[in-house]
Amino acid sequence: MPFDGEISDYAKPDVFSVEGLLAWLDTQDPATEYDYFDTDDCLLCRYGRARGLKVKWAGGNSIRIGRIRHEVFPENTFIACADPWTYGAAAQRCRDYLARVK
């Protein structure tokens, strides 16, 4: 395929990675609240929809895109479930996790 001049997609982190979630959270209002137990509007569902996916929660650390169930990063429990349920707090938990694993 010839080069079309667009390279932005090559630099984006994987949608199902902590880095991808953090990159998105860093563009959001940190005061925005979410309800982890809202199975149609939790943090991960919002994130998936913002990335252009038709997402529904499928239980545990899984989301459903169409008929396919995807295991979302296992760090979900630490990042999305812990209090407080704000974008800013979730972003900080992403940073804390990434600092521990690197």
PDB file of N, CA and C in Angstrom:
ATOM      1  N   MET A   1       0.854  -1.177   0.000  1.00  0.00           N
ATOM      2  CA  MET A   1       0.000   0.000   0.000  1.00  0.00           C
ATOM      3  C   MET A   1       0.896   1.235   0.000  1.00  0.00           C
ATOM      4  N   PRO A   2       0.684   2.161  -0.913  1.00  0.00           N
ATOM      5  CA  PRO A   2       1.509   3.364  -0.958  1.00  0.00           C
ATOM      6  C   PRO A   2       1.289   4.245   0.263  1.00  0.00           C
ATOM      7  N   PHE A   3       2.321   4.979   0.607  1.00  0.00           N
ATOM      8  CA  PHE A   3       2.236   5.902   1.740  1.00  0.00           C
ATOM      9  C   PHE A   3       1.252   7.005   1.415  1.00  0.00           C
ATOM     10  N   ASP A   4       0.270   7.214   2.300  1.00  0.00           N
ATOM     11  CA  ASP A   4      -0.771   8.215   2.037  1.00  0.00           C
ATOM     12  C   ASP A   4      -0.565   9.501   2.834  1.00  0.00           C
ATOM     13  N   GLY A   5       0.556   9.603   3.539  1.00  0.00           N
ATOM     14  CA  GLY A   5       0.841  10.812   4.300  1.00  0.00           C
ATOM     15  C   GLY A   5       0.298  10.805   5.712  1.00  0.00           C
ATOM     16  N   GLU A   6      -0.530   9.827   6.057  1.00  0.00           N
ATOM     17  CA  GLU A   6      -1.099   9.733   7.403  1.00  0.00           C
ATOM     18  C   GLU A   6      -0.277   8.754   8.222  1.00  0.00           C
ATOM     19  N   ILE A   7       0.286   9.234   9.320  1.00  0.00           N
ATOM     20  CA  ILE A   7       1.072   8.340  10.173  1.00  0.00           C
ATOM     21  C   ILE A   7       0.576   8.333  11.607  1.00  0.00           C
ATOM     22  N   SER A   8      -0.465   9.092  11.897  1.00  0.00           N
ATOM     23  CA  SER A   8      -0.888   9.230  13.290  1.00  0.00           C
ATOM     24  C   SER A   8      -1.309   7.905  13.924  1.00  0.00           C
ATOM     25  N   ASP A   9      -1.917   6.994  13.188  1.00  0.00           N
ATOM     26  CA  ASP A   9      -2.355   5.723  13.762  1.00  0.00           C
ATOM     27  C   ASP A   9      -1.188   4.865  14.236  1.00  0.00           C
ATOM     28  N   TYR A  10      -0.028   5.034  13.638  1.00  0.00           N
ATOM     29  CA  TYR A  10       1.106   4.208  14.007  1.00  0.00           C
ATOM     30  C   TYR A  10       1.628   4.538  15.403  1.00  0.00           C
ATOM     31  N   ALA A  11       1.374   5.734  15.866  1.00  0.00           N
ATOM     32  CA  ALA A  11       1.887   6.160  17.166  1.00  0.00           C
ATOM     33  C   ALA A  11       0.894   5.931  18.299  1.00  0.00           C
ATOM     34  N   LYS A  12      -0.324   5.537  17.982  1.00  0.00           N
ATOM     35  CA  LYS A  12      -1.340   5.356  19.010  1.00  0.00           C
ATOM     36  C   LYS A  12      -1.115   4.042  19.759  1.00  0.00           C
ATOM     37  N   PRO A  13      -1.274   4.075  21.085  1.00  0.00           N
ATOM     38  CA  PRO A  13      -1.161   2.814  21.833  1.00  0.00           C
ATOM     39  C   PRO A  13      -2.342   1.897  21.548  1.00  0.00           C
ATOM     40  N   ASP A  14      -2.137   0.616  21.797  1.00  0.00           N
ATOM     41  CA  ASP A  14      -3.184  -0.376  21.610  1.00  0.00           C
ATOM     42  C   ASP A  14      -4.417  -0.003  22.429  1.00  0.00           C
ATOM     43  N   VAL A  15      -5.598  -0.135  21.834  1.00  0.00           N
ATOM     44  CA  VAL A  15      -6.841   0.251  22.503  1.00  0.00           C
ATOM     45  C   VAL A  15      -7.060  -0.530  23.795  1.00  0.00           C
ATOM     46  N   PHE A  16      -6.561  -1.757  23.877  1.00  0.00           N
ATOM     47  CA  PHE A  16      -6.783  -2.578  25.064  1.00  0.00           C
ATOM     48  C   PHE A  16      -5.589  -2.549  26.020  1.00  0.00           C
ATOM     49  N   SER A  17      -4.828  -1.473  25.997  1.00  0.00           N
ATOM     50  CA  SER A  17      -3.675  -1.365  26.881  1.00  0.00           C
ATOM     51  C   SER A  17      -3.888  -0.268  27.920  1.00  0.00           C
ATOM     52  N   VAL A  18      -3.136  -0.358  28.994  1.00  0.00           N
ATOM     53  CA  VAL A  18      -3.171   0.686  30.024  1.00  0.00           C
ATOM     54  C   VAL A  18      -2.683   1.997  29.422  1.00  0.00           C
ATOM     55  N   GLU A  19      -1.672   1.923  28.559  1.00  0.00           N
ATOM     56  CA  GLU A  19      -1.168   3.126  27.905  1.00  0.00           C
ATOM     57  C   GLU A  19      -2.246   3.786  27.052  1.00  0.00           C
ATOM     58  N   GLY A  20      -3.056   2.980  26.366  1.00  0.00           N
ATOM     59  CA  GLY A  20      -4.142   3.529  25.562  1.00  0.00           C
ATOM     60  C   GLY A  20      -5.195   4.208  26.412  1.00  0.00           C
ATOM     61  N   LEU A  21      -5.560   3.565  27.512  1.00  0.00           N
ATOM     62  CA  LEU A  21      -6.533   4.160  28.424  1.00  0.00           C
ATOM     63  C   LEU A  21      -5.996   5.458  29.000  1.00  0.00           C
ATOM     64  N   LEU A  22      -4.745   5.466  29.412  1.00  0.00           N
ATOM     65  CA  LEU A  22      -4.148   6.670  29.982  1.00  0.00           C
ATOM     66  C   LEU A  22      -4.094   7.798  28.954  1.00  0.00           C
ATOM     67  N   ALA A  23      -3.722   7.480  27.736  1.00  0.00           N
ATOM     68  CA  ALA A  23      -3.662   8.514  26.696  1.00  0.00           C
ATOM     69  C   ALA A  23      -5.029   9.167  26.516  1.00  0.00           C
ATOM     70  N   TRP A  24      -6.085   8.362  26.552  1.00  0.00           N
ATOM     71  CA  TRP A  24      -7.436   8.913  26.420  1.00  0.00           C
ATOM     72  C   TRP A  24      -7.828   9.709  27.659  1.00  0.00           C
ATOM     73  N   LEU A  25      -7.576   9.164  28.837  1.00  0.00           N
ATOM     74  CA  LEU A  25      -7.927   9.865  30.078  1.00  0.00           C
ATOM     75  C   LEU A  25      -7.237  11.223  30.167  1.00  0.00           C
ATOM     76  N   ASP A  26      -6.012  11.306  29.669  1.00  0.00           N
ATOM     77  CA  ASP A  26      -5.277  12.569  29.721  1.00  0.00           C
ATOM     78  C   ASP A  26      -5.902  13.650  28.842  1.00  0.00           C
ATOM     79  N   THR A  27      -6.821  13.280  27.970  1.00  0.00           N
ATOM     80  CA  THR A  27      -7.502  14.276  27.131  1.00  0.00           C
ATOM     81  C   THR A  27      -8.875  14.644  27.689  1.00  0.00           C
ATOM     82  N   GLN A  28      -9.249  14.044  28.802  1.00  0.00           N
ATOM     83  CA  GLN A  28     -10.578  14.246  29.384  1.00  0.00           C
ATOM     84  C   GLN A  28     -10.514  15.171  30.600  1.00  0.00           C
ATOM     85  N   ASP A  29     -11.668  15.670  31.011  1.00  0.00           N
ATOM     86  CA  ASP A  29     -11.776  16.471  32.226  1.00  0.00           C
ATOM     87  C   ASP A  29     -11.556  15.543  33.418  1.00  0.00           C
ATOM     88  N   PRO A  30     -10.523  15.780  34.227  1.00  0.00           N
ATOM     89  CA  PRO A  30     -10.230  14.871  35.342  1.00  0.00           C
ATOM     90  C   PRO A  30     -11.326  14.823  36.400  1.00  0.00           C
ATOM     91  N   ALA A  31     -12.203  15.801  36.435  1.00  0.00           N
ATOM     92  CA  ALA A  31     -13.280  15.819  37.430  1.00  0.00           C
ATOM     93  C   ALA A  31     -14.487  14.985  37.006  1.00  0.00           C
ATOM     94  N   THR A  32     -14.497  14.506  35.767  1.00  0.00           N
ATOM     95  CA  THR A  32     -15.626  13.707  35.283  1.00  0.00           C
ATOM     96  C   THR A  32     -15.739  12.428  36.104  1.00  0.00           C
ATOM     97  N   GLU A  33     -16.952  12.159  36.578  1.00  0.00           N
ATOM     98  CA  GLU A  33     -17.205  10.960  37.375  1.00  0.00           C
ATOM     99  C   GLU A  33     -17.807   9.858  36.515  1.00  0.00           C
ATOM    100  N   TYR A  34     -17.608   8.633  36.931  1.00  0.00           N
ATOM    101  CA  TYR A  34     -18.232   7.469  36.300  1.00  0.00           C
ATOM    102  C   TYR A  34     -18.661   6.514  37.398  1.00  0.00           C
ATOM    103  N   ASP A  35     -19.544   5.595  37.042  1.00  0.00           N
ATOM    104  CA  ASP A  35     -20.006   4.576  37.979  1.00  0.00           C
ATOM    105  C   ASP A  35     -19.503   3.227  37.480  1.00  0.00           C
ATOM    106  N   TYR A  36     -18.566   2.652  38.184  1.00  0.00           N
ATOM    107  CA  TYR A  36     -17.983   1.386  37.761  1.00  0.00           C
ATOM    108  C   TYR A  36     -19.046   0.303  37.608  1.00  0.00           C
ATOM    109  N   PHE A  37     -20.093   0.354  38.394  1.00  0.00           N
ATOM    110  CA  PHE A  37     -21.117  -0.691  38.360  1.00  0.00           C
ATOM    111  C   PHE A  37     -22.204  -0.443  37.328  1.00  0.00           C
ATOM    112  N   ASP A  38     -22.148   0.660  36.601  1.00  0.00           N
ATOM    113  CA  ASP A  38     -23.105   0.917  35.521  1.00  0.00           C
ATOM    114  C   ASP A  38     -22.642   0.116  34.317  1.00  0.00           C
ATOM    115  N   THR A  39     -23.290  -0.990  34.062  1.00  0.00           N
ATOM    116  CA  THR A  39     -22.817  -1.936  33.059  1.00  0.00           C
ATOM    117  C   THR A  39     -22.933  -1.435  31.626  1.00  0.00           C
ATOM    118  N   ASP A  40     -23.551  -0.290  31.417  1.00  0.00           N
ATOM    119  CA  ASP A  40     -23.631   0.262  30.072  1.00  0.00           C
ATOM    120  C   ASP A  40     -22.832   1.554  29.944  1.00  0.00           C
ATOM    121  N   ASP A  41     -22.351   2.087  31.062  1.00  0.00           N
ATOM    122  CA  ASP A  41     -21.671   3.385  31.003  1.00  0.00           C
ATOM    123  C   ASP A  41     -20.493   3.455  31.970  1.00  0.00           C
ATOM    124  N   CYS A  42     -19.830   2.328  32.206  1.00  0.00           N
ATOM    125  CA  CYS A  42     -18.660   2.327  33.088  1.00  0.00           C
ATOM    126  C   CYS A  42     -17.483   2.986  32.365  1.00  0.00           C
ATOM    127  N   LEU A  43     -16.400   3.149  33.049  1.00  0.00           N
ATOM    128  CA  LEU A  43     -15.213   3.789  32.472  1.00  0.00           C
ATOM    129  C   LEU A  43     -14.761   3.079  31.200  1.00  0.00           C
ATOM    130  N   LEU A  44     -14.689   1.758  31.229  1.00  0.00           N
ATOM    131  CA  LEU A  44     -14.183   1.028  30.070  1.00  0.00           C
ATOM    132  C   LEU A  44     -15.141   1.086  28.889  1.00  0.00           C
ATOM    133  N   CYS A  45     -16.439   1.103  29.155  1.00  0.00           N
ATOM    134  CA  CYS A  45     -17.406   1.255  28.064  1.00  0.00           C
ATOM    135  C   CYS A  45     -17.284   2.638  27.427  1.00  0.00           C
ATOM    136  N   ARG A  46     -17.166   3.655  28.251  1.00  0.00           N
ATOM    137  CA  ARG A  46     -16.987   5.014  27.723  1.00  0.00           C
ATOM    138  C   ARG A  46     -15.720   5.104  26.878  1.00  0.00           C
ATOM    139  N   TYR A  47     -14.656   4.525  27.390  1.00  0.00           N
ATOM    140  CA  TYR A  47     -13.383   4.541  26.679  1.00  0.00           C
ATOM    141  C   TYR A  47     -13.495   3.825  25.332  1.00  0.00           C
ATOM    142  N   GLY A  48     -14.090   2.646  25.349  1.00  0.00           N
ATOM    143  CA  GLY A  48     -14.250   1.898  24.098  1.00  0.00           C
ATOM    144  C   GLY A  48     -15.075   2.656  23.079  1.00  0.00           C
ATOM    145  N   ARG A  49     -16.178   3.252  23.519  1.00  0.00           N
ATOM    146  CA  ARG A  49     -17.011   4.027  22.594  1.00  0.00           C
ATOM    147  C   ARG A  49     -16.260   5.238  22.062  1.00  0.00           C
ATOM    148  N   ALA A  50     -15.453   5.873  22.909  1.00  0.00           N
ATOM    149  CA  ALA A  50     -14.668   7.023  22.458  1.00  0.00           C
ATOM    150  C   ALA A  50     -13.652   6.610  21.394  1.00  0.00           C
ATOM    151  N   ARG A  51     -13.235   5.360  21.426  1.00  0.00           N
ATOM    152  CA  ARG A  51     -12.300   4.843  20.422  1.00  0.00           C
ATOM    153  C   ARG A  51     -13.035   4.294  19.192  1.00  0.00           C
ATOM    154  N   GLY A  52     -14.363   4.504  19.154  1.00  0.00           N
ATOM    155  CA  GLY A  52     -15.135   4.127  17.980  1.00  0.00           C
ATOM    156  C   GLY A  52     -15.670   2.711  17.991  1.00  0.00           C
ATOM    157  N   LEU A  53     -15.665   2.059  19.150  1.00  0.00           N
ATOM    158  CA  LEU A  53     -16.142   0.686  19.250  1.00  0.00           C
ATOM    159  C   LEU A  53     -17.556   0.656  19.802  1.00  0.00           C
ATOM    160  N   LYS A  54     -18.355  -0.292  19.368  1.00  0.00           N
ATOM    161  CA  LYS A  54     -19.689  -0.509  19.936  1.00  0.00           C
ATOM    162  C   LYS A  54     -19.509  -1.470  21.093  1.00  0.00           C
ATOM    163  N   VAL A  55     -19.439  -0.901  22.288  1.00  0.00           N
ATOM    164  CA  VAL A  55     -18.994  -1.642  23.465  1.00  0.00           C
ATOM    165  C   VAL A  55     -20.118  -1.835  24.462  1.00  0.00           C
ATOM    166  N   LYS A  56     -20.147  -3.008  25.069  1.00  0.00           N
ATOM    167  CA  LYS A  56     -20.997  -3.295  26.220  1.00  0.00           C
ATOM    168  C   LYS A  56     -20.157  -4.102  27.185  1.00  0.00           C
ATOM    169  N   TRP A  57     -20.425  -3.916  28.478  1.00  0.00           N
ATOM    170  CA  TRP A  57     -19.713  -4.683  29.489  1.00  0.00           C
ATOM    171  C   TRP A  57     -20.178  -6.127  29.426  1.00  0.00           C
ATOM    172  N   ALA A  58     -19.243  -7.069  29.579  1.00  0.00           N
ATOM    173  CA  ALA A  58     -19.585  -8.486  29.491  1.00  0.00           C
ATOM    174  C   ALA A  58     -19.307  -9.232  30.786  1.00  0.00           C
ATOM    175  N   GLY A  59     -18.955  -8.519  31.837  1.00  0.00           N
ATOM    176  CA  GLY A  59     -18.684  -9.155  33.118  1.00  0.00           C
ATOM    177  C   GLY A  59     -17.200  -9.278  33.393  1.00  0.00           C
ATOM    178  N   GLY A  60     -16.844  -9.166  34.644  1.00  0.00           N
ATOM    179  CA  GLY A  60     -15.442  -9.273  35.030  1.00  0.00           C
ATOM    180  C   GLY A  60     -14.601  -8.220  34.339  1.00  0.00           C
ATOM    181  N   ASN A  61     -13.494  -8.648  33.772  1.00  0.00           N
ATOM    182  CA  ASN A  61     -12.604  -7.747  33.049  1.00  0.00           C
ATOM    183  C   ASN A  61     -12.842  -7.827  31.553  1.00  0.00           C
ATOM    184  N   SER A  62     -14.082  -8.052  31.154  1.00  0.00           N
ATOM    185  CA  SER A  62     -14.402  -8.242  29.747  1.00  0.00           C
ATOM    186  C   SER A  62     -15.383  -7.195  29.252  1.00  0.00           C
ATOM    187  N   ILE A  63     -15.189  -6.831  28.008  1.00  0.00           N
ATOM    188  CA  ILE A  63     -16.181  -6.021  27.316  1.00  0.00           C
ATOM    189  C   ILE A  63     -16.583  -6.777  26.059  1.00  0.00           C
ATOM    190  N   ARG A  64     -17.758  -6.495  25.576  1.00  0.00           N
ATOM    191  CA  ARG A  64     -18.256  -7.148  24.373  1.00  0.00           C
ATOM    192  C   ARG A  64     -18.316  -6.108  23.265  1.00  0.00           C
ATOM    193  N   ILE A  65     -17.686  -6.442  22.151  1.00  0.00           N
ATOM    194  CA  ILE A  65     -17.746  -5.603  20.958  1.00  0.00           C
ATOM    195  C   ILE A  65     -18.460  -6.439  19.910  1.00  0.00           C
ATOM    196  N   GLY A  66     -19.701  -6.052  19.633  1.00  0.00           N
ATOM    197  CA  GLY A  66     -20.535  -6.891  18.780  1.00  0.00           C
ATOM    198  C   GLY A  66     -20.783  -8.206  19.496  1.00  0.00           C
ATOM    199  N   ARG A  67     -20.469  -9.308  18.853  1.00  0.00           N
ATOM    200  CA  ARG A  67     -20.663 -10.616  19.474  1.00  0.00           C
ATOM    201  C   ARG A  67     -19.373 -11.184  20.049  1.00  0.00           C
ATOM    202  N   ILE A  68     -18.294 -10.424  19.955  1.00  0.00           N
ATOM    203  CA  ILE A  68     -16.993 -10.918  20.400  1.00  0.00           C
ATOM    204  C   ILE A  68     -16.671 -10.361  21.781  1.00  0.00           C
ATOM    205  N   ARG A  69     -16.303 -11.254  22.682  1.00  0.00           N
ATOM    206  CA  ARG A  69     -15.938 -10.865  24.047  1.00  0.00           C
ATOM    207  C   ARG A  69     -14.423 -10.682  24.106  1.00  0.00           C
ATOM    208  N   HIS A  70     -13.989  -9.556  24.651  1.00  0.00           N
ATOM    209  CA  HIS A  70     -12.568  -9.248  24.778  1.00  0.00           C
ATOM    210  C   HIS A  70     -12.207  -9.130  26.243  1.00  0.00           C
ATOM    211  N   GLU A  71     -11.148  -9.801  26.620  1.00  0.00           N
ATOM    212  CA  GLU A  71     -10.609  -9.600  27.955  1.00  0.00           C
ATOM    213  C   GLU A  71      -9.866  -8.275  27.924  1.00  0.00           C
ATOM    214  N   VAL A  72     -10.261  -7.375  28.790  1.00  0.00           N
ATOM    215  CA  VAL A  72      -9.578  -6.097  28.888  1.00  0.00           C
ATOM    216  C   VAL A  72      -8.454  -6.280  29.884  1.00  0.00           C
ATOM    217  N   PHE A  73      -7.413  -5.536  29.739  1.00  0.00           N
ATOM    218  CA  PHE A  73      -6.242  -5.662  30.597  1.00  0.00           C
ATOM    219  C   PHE A  73      -6.643  -6.044  32.021  1.00  0.00           C
ATOM    220  N   PRO A  74      -5.951  -6.995  32.631  1.00  0.00           N
ATOM    221  CA  PRO A  74      -6.305  -7.450  33.974  1.00  0.00           C
ATOM    222  C   PRO A  74      -6.134  -6.381  35.041  1.00  0.00           C
ATOM    223  N   GLU A  75      -5.438  -5.314  34.709  1.00  0.00           N
ATOM    224  CA  GLU A  75      -5.242  -4.220  35.652  1.00  0.00           C
ATOM    225  C   GLU A  75      -6.535  -3.448  35.886  1.00  0.00           C
ATOM    226  N   ASN A  76      -7.590  -3.790  35.154  1.00  0.00           N
ATOM    227  CA  ASN A  76      -8.881  -3.112  35.259  1.00  0.00           C
ATOM    228  C   ASN A  76      -9.340  -2.978  36.701  1.00  0.00           C
ATOM    229  N   THR A  77      -9.199  -4.037  37.483  1.00  0.00           N
ATOM    230  CA  THR A  77      -9.674  -4.003  38.864  1.00  0.00           C
ATOM    231  C   THR A  77      -9.002  -2.877  39.632  1.00  0.00           C
ATOM    232  N   PHE A  78      -7.721  -2.729  39.444  1.00  0.00           N
ATOM    233  CA  PHE A  78      -6.981  -1.670  40.129  1.00  0.00           C
ATOM    234  C   PHE A  78      -7.314  -0.293  39.559  1.00  0.00           C
ATOM    235  N   ILE A  79      -7.435  -0.183  38.255  1.00  0.00           N
ATOM    236  CA  ILE A  79      -7.580   1.128  37.615  1.00  0.00           C
ATOM    237  C   ILE A  79      -9.021   1.620  37.613  1.00  0.00           C
ATOM    238  N   ALA A  80      -9.941   0.833  37.122  1.00  0.00           N
ATOM    239  CA  ALA A  80     -11.317   1.303  36.936  1.00  0.00           C
ATOM    240  C   ALA A  80     -12.193   1.113  38.168  1.00  0.00           C
ATOM    241  N   CYS A  81     -11.905   0.110  38.971  1.00  0.00           N
ATOM    242  CA  CYS A  81     -12.789  -0.240  40.077  1.00  0.00           C
ATOM    243  C   CYS A  81     -12.498   0.530  41.359  1.00  0.00           C
ATOM    244  N   ALA A  82     -11.259   0.912  41.580  1.00  0.00           N
ATOM    245  CA  ALA A  82     -10.887   1.567  42.838  1.00  0.00           C
ATOM    246  C   ALA A  82     -11.511   2.955  42.953  1.00  0.00           C
ATOM    247  N   ASP A  83     -11.789   3.357  44.187  1.00  0.00           N
ATOM    248  CA  ASP A  83     -12.311   4.701  44.463  1.00  0.00           C
ATOM    249  C   ASP A  83     -11.171   5.702  44.452  1.00  0.00           C
ATOM    250  N   PRO A  84     -11.426   6.947  44.126  1.00  0.00           N
ATOM    251  CA  PRO A  84     -12.681   7.522  43.639  1.00  0.00           C
ATOM    252  C   PRO A  84     -12.861   7.257  42.144  1.00  0.00           C
ATOM    253  N   TRP A  85     -14.105   7.292  41.717  1.00  0.00           N
ATOM    254  CA  TRP A  85     -14.449   7.013  40.324  1.00  0.00           C
ATOM    255  C   TRP A  85     -14.477   8.301  39.519  1.00  0.00           C
ATOM    256  N   THR A  86     -13.303   8.870  39.311  1.00  0.00           N
ATOM    257  CA  THR A  86     -13.165  10.047  38.452  1.00  0.00           C
ATOM    258  C   THR A  86     -12.096   9.749  37.414  1.00  0.00           C
ATOM    259  N   TYR A  87     -12.161  10.469  36.304  1.00  0.00           N
ATOM    260  CA  TYR A  87     -11.157  10.272  35.262  1.00  0.00           C
ATOM    261  C   TYR A  87      -9.759  10.611  35.773  1.00  0.00           C
ATOM    262  N   GLY A  88      -9.651  11.660  36.564  1.00  0.00           N
ATOM    263  CA  GLY A  88      -8.351  12.048  37.076  1.00  0.00           C
ATOM    264  C   GLY A  88      -7.743  10.987  37.979  1.00  0.00           C
ATOM    265  N   ALA A  89      -8.563  10.418  38.855  1.00  0.00           N
ATOM    266  CA  ALA A  89      -8.076   9.362  39.750  1.00  0.00           C
ATOM    267  C   ALA A  89      -7.715   8.109  38.957  1.00  0.00           C
ATOM    268  N   ALA A  90      -8.513   7.770  37.958  1.00  0.00           N
ATOM    269  CA  ALA A  90      -8.210   6.605  37.123  1.00  0.00           C
ATOM    270  C   ALA A  90      -6.905   6.819  36.356  1.00  0.00           C
ATOM    271  N   ALA A  91      -6.689   8.028  35.866  1.00  0.00           N
ATOM    272  CA  ALA A  91      -5.443   8.336  35.158  1.00  0.00           C
ATOM    273  C   ALA A  91      -4.249   8.167  36.095  1.00  0.00           C
ATOM    274  N   GLN A  92      -4.388   8.626  37.325  1.00  0.00           N
ATOM    275  CA  GLN A  92      -3.292   8.471  38.284  1.00  0.00           C
ATOM    276  C   GLN A  92      -3.040   6.995  38.593  1.00  0.00           C
ATOM    277  N   ARG A  93      -4.096   6.201  38.676  1.00  0.00           N
ATOM    278  CA  ARG A  93      -3.907   4.766  38.906  1.00  0.00           C
ATOM    279  C   ARG A  93      -3.210   4.119  37.715  1.00  0.00           C
ATOM    280  N   CYS A  94      -3.495   4.595  36.492  1.00  0.00           N
ATOM    281  CA  CYS A  94      -2.766   4.102  35.314  1.00  0.00           C
ATOM    282  C   CYS A  94      -1.277   4.414  35.452  1.00  0.00           C
ATOM    283  N   ARG A  95      -0.973   5.656  35.818  1.00  0.00           N
ATOM    284  CA  ARG A  95       0.425   6.061  35.978  1.00  0.00           C
ATOM    285  C   ARG A  95       1.116   5.231  37.070  1.00  0.00           C
ATOM    286  N   ASP A  96       0.431   5.031  38.184  1.00  0.00           N
ATOM    287  CA  ASP A  96       0.994   4.243  39.276  1.00  0.00           C
ATOM    288  C   ASP A  96       1.292   2.817  38.823  1.00  0.00           C
ATOM    289  N   TYR A  97       0.346   2.227  38.101  1.00  0.00           N
ATOM    290  CA  TYR A  97       0.542   0.862  37.597  1.00  0.00           C
ATOM    291  C   TYR A  97       1.737   0.806  36.655  1.00  0.00           C
ATOM    292  N   LEU A  98       1.783   1.726  35.690  1.00  0.00           N
ATOM    293  CA  LEU A  98       2.864   1.710  34.709  1.00  0.00           C
ATOM    294  C   LEU A  98       4.223   1.932  35.368  1.00  0.00           C
ATOM    295  N   ALA A  99       4.273   2.755  36.398  1.00  0.00           N
ATOM    296  CA  ALA A  99       5.528   2.972  37.122  1.00  0.00           C
ATOM    297  C   ALA A  99       5.989   1.699  37.823  1.00  0.00           C
ATOM    298  N   ARG A 100       5.048   0.886  38.309  1.00  0.00           N
ATOM    299  CA  ARG A 100       5.391  -0.348  39.009  1.00  0.00           C
ATOM    300  C   ARG A 100       5.886  -1.429  38.054  1.00  0.00           C
ATOM    301  N   VAL A 101       5.359  -1.474  36.852  1.00  0.00           N
ATOM    302  CA  VAL A 101       5.706  -2.575  35.946  1.00  0.00           C
ATOM    303  C   VAL A 101       6.885  -2.259  35.033  1.00  0.00           C
ATOM    304  N   LYS A 102       7.332  -1.041  35.031  1.00  0.00           N
ATOM    305  CA  LYS A 102       8.469  -0.701  34.145  1.00  0.00           C
ATOM    306  C   LYS A 102       9.763  -0.753  34.873  1.00  0.00           C
TER     307      LYS A 102
END
